[in-house]
Amino acid sequence: LMELIKLLPVKVDSEGKTVFMEARVREAAQRRKEPCVLDLTPSNVRDYEQGRLSLLHRDVEGILERHQAEYFVSRLECARIRSGFEMREELINYKKALYLLYQVSRLPGWCSGRWAHSGEGGNAS
């Protein structure tokens, strides 16, 4: 992934430090009418969309030249980044299903066996 990092728009300031091109990132956020990722803090992290590969694609396309963005995205695909995002999504869905099961288990009658022996779900009484 180091070759991809080299594609990011950077410039060198008068002291020889590499500086991220803040203006492009801020302009992209402004076009989308969203908070800028450069202003992210622990207290406002929930204001930002996160966790989807399409967001990464969108951000890259917003700050790189078209040919650079296409190359960047193609290299992400080769690195199997998509499977990592898909696994994350499945884990989140699994967590939601477990949470729903937990909530239902707290309903009156769940533990008394009333639902388990009601004849629903193929149980013969």
Foldseek 3Di string as FASTA:
>chain_A
DVVLVVQQDWDADPVRDIGHPVVLQVVLCVVVVADGPVPDDPVCVVSDDDLDVVVVLSSLPSGGDPVSSVVSVVVCVVVVVVVVSVVVVVVVVVVVVVVVVVVVCPDPPNPVCCVVQVCPPPHDD
